[in-house]
Amino acid sequence: MLNRFCDKTKKGVALLEYSILVSALILALIAVQTTLRRALSSRWKAAADGTFGSGRQYDPGTTTVTVR
């Protein structure tokens, strides 16, 4: 009788430990979400500026476009 109670308790404790571990992992991902988003967008901006515009922005008053 006591042996069955210990087995159920061990399973319950294991389930509780796994649920706490998953909850902590989800909370950590939510906490770093903003930082990761900013880092990713800054890398995209740096790559696009270096490839397409070299840091220059389009200005309709000074930019000339020749269409052929």
C-alpha atoms as a PDB file:
ATOM      1  CA  MET A   1       0.000   0.000   0.000  1.00  0.00           C
ATOM      2  CA  LEU A   2       2.728   2.441   0.971  1.00  0.00           C
ATOM      3  CA  ASN A   3       4.783   1.457  -2.085  1.00  0.00           C
ATOM      4  CA  ARG A   4       1.942   2.479  -4.458  1.00  0.00           C
ATOM      5  CA  PHE A   5       1.619   5.825  -2.692  1.00  0.00           C
ATOM      6  CA  CYS A   6       5.351   6.504  -3.113  1.00  0.00           C
ATOM      7  CA  ASP A   7       5.176   5.673  -6.840  1.00  0.00           C
ATOM      8  CA  LYS A   8       2.297   8.105  -7.359  1.00  0.00           C
ATOM      9  CA  THR A   9       4.113  10.768  -5.377  1.00  0.00           C
ATOM     10  CA  LYS A  10       7.276  10.333  -7.460  1.00  0.00           C
ATOM     11  CA  LYS A  11       5.284  10.623 -10.674  1.00  0.00           C
ATOM     12  CA  GLY A  12       3.535  13.731  -9.368  1.00  0.00           C
ATOM     13  CA  VAL A  13       6.808  15.344  -8.363  1.00  0.00           C
ATOM     14  CA  ALA A  14       8.357  14.536 -11.746  1.00  0.00           C
ATOM     15  CA  LEU A  15       5.370  16.067 -13.537  1.00  0.00           C
ATOM     16  CA  LEU A  16       5.596  19.161 -11.343  1.00  0.00           C
ATOM     17  CA  GLU A  17       9.327  19.510 -12.051  1.00  0.00           C
ATOM     18  CA  TYR A  18       8.797  19.245 -15.810  1.00  0.00           C
ATOM     19  CA  SER A  19       5.972  21.774 -15.771  1.00  0.00           C
ATOM     20  CA  ILE A  20       8.106  24.229 -13.778  1.00  0.00           C
ATOM     21  CA  LEU A  21      10.980  23.711 -16.220  1.00  0.00           C
ATOM     22  CA  VAL A  22       8.760  24.343 -19.258  1.00  0.00           C
ATOM     23  CA  SER A  23       7.217  27.409 -17.599  1.00  0.00           C
ATOM     24  CA  ALA A  24      10.654  28.835 -16.821  1.00  0.00           C
ATOM     25  CA  LEU A  25      11.768  28.248 -20.416  1.00  0.00           C
ATOM     26  CA  ILE A  26       8.686  30.005 -21.807  1.00  0.00           C
ATOM     27  CA  LEU A  27       9.145  32.949 -19.436  1.00  0.00           C
ATOM     28  CA  ALA A  28      12.803  33.268 -20.446  1.00  0.00           C
ATOM     29  CA  LEU A  29      11.874  33.329 -24.139  1.00  0.00           C
ATOM     30  CA  ILE A  30       9.252  36.003 -23.508  1.00  0.00           C
ATOM     31  CA  ALA A  31      11.772  38.064 -21.536  1.00  0.00           C
ATOM     32  CA  VAL A  32      14.375  38.095 -24.326  1.00  0.00           C
ATOM     33  CA  GLN A  33      11.900  38.476 -27.163  1.00  0.00           C
ATOM     34  CA  THR A  34      12.308  42.266 -27.391  1.00  0.00           C
ATOM     35  CA  THR A  35      16.091  42.078 -27.308  1.00  0.00           C
ATOM     36  CA  LEU A  36      16.189  39.414 -30.004  1.00  0.00           C
ATOM     37  CA  ARG A  37      13.752  41.347 -32.192  1.00  0.00           C
ATOM     38  CA  ARG A  38      15.849  44.522 -31.943  1.00  0.00           C
ATOM     39  CA  ALA A  39      19.079  42.677 -32.670  1.00  0.00           C
ATOM     40  CA  LEU A  40      17.585  40.958 -35.693  1.00  0.00           C
ATOM     41  CA  SER A  41      16.128  44.160 -37.113  1.00  0.00           C
ATOM     42  CA  SER A  42      19.422  46.014 -36.664  1.00  0.00           C
ATOM     43  CA  ARG A  43      21.236  43.253 -38.576  1.00  0.00           C
ATOM     44  CA  TRP A  44      18.673  43.444 -41.384  1.00  0.00           C
ATOM     45  CA  LYS A  45      19.045  47.230 -41.505  1.00  0.00           C
ATOM     46  CA  ALA A  46      22.835  47.045 -41.585  1.00  0.00           C
ATOM     47  CA  ALA A  47      22.747  44.451 -44.350  1.00  0.00           C
ATOM     48  CA  ALA A  48      20.250  46.451 -46.403  1.00  0.00           C
ATOM     49  CA  ASP A  49      22.111  49.729 -45.943  1.00  0.00           C
ATOM     50  CA  GLY A  50      25.389  48.160 -46.990  1.00  0.00           C
ATOM     51  CA  THR A  51      23.898  46.412 -49.991  1.00  0.00           C
ATOM     52  CA  PHE A  52      21.276  48.730 -51.392  1.00  0.00           C
ATOM     53  CA  GLY A  53      21.736  52.293 -50.267  1.00  0.00           C
ATOM     54  CA  SER A  54      25.054  52.646 -48.489  1.00  0.00           C
ATOM     55  CA  GLY A  55      23.194  54.480 -45.739  1.00  0.00           C
ATOM     56  CA  ARG A  56      21.630  57.029 -48.097  1.00  0.00           C
ATOM     57  CA  GLN A  57      17.912  57.687 -48.045  1.00  0.00           C
ATOM     58  CA  TYR A  58      15.668  58.604 -50.919  1.00  0.00           C
ATOM     59  CA  ASP A  59      14.890  62.327 -51.076  1.00  0.00           C
ATOM     60  CA  PRO A  60      12.456  63.323 -53.812  1.00  0.00           C
ATOM     61  CA  GLY A  61      13.829  66.881 -53.919  1.00  0.00           C
ATOM     62  CA  THR A  62      17.448  65.984 -54.626  1.00  0.00           C
ATOM     63  CA  THR A  63      17.324  62.483 -56.124  1.00  0.00           C
ATOM     64  CA  THR A  64      17.276  62.316 -59.898  1.00  0.00           C
ATOM     65  CA  VAL A  65      15.989  59.299 -61.747  1.00  0.00           C
ATOM     66  CA  THR A  66      16.579  58.644 -65.420  1.00  0.00           C
ATOM     67  CA  VAL A  67      14.024  56.399 -67.079  1.00  0.00           C
ATOM     68  CA  ARG A  68      14.922  54.942 -70.465  1.00  0.00           C
END
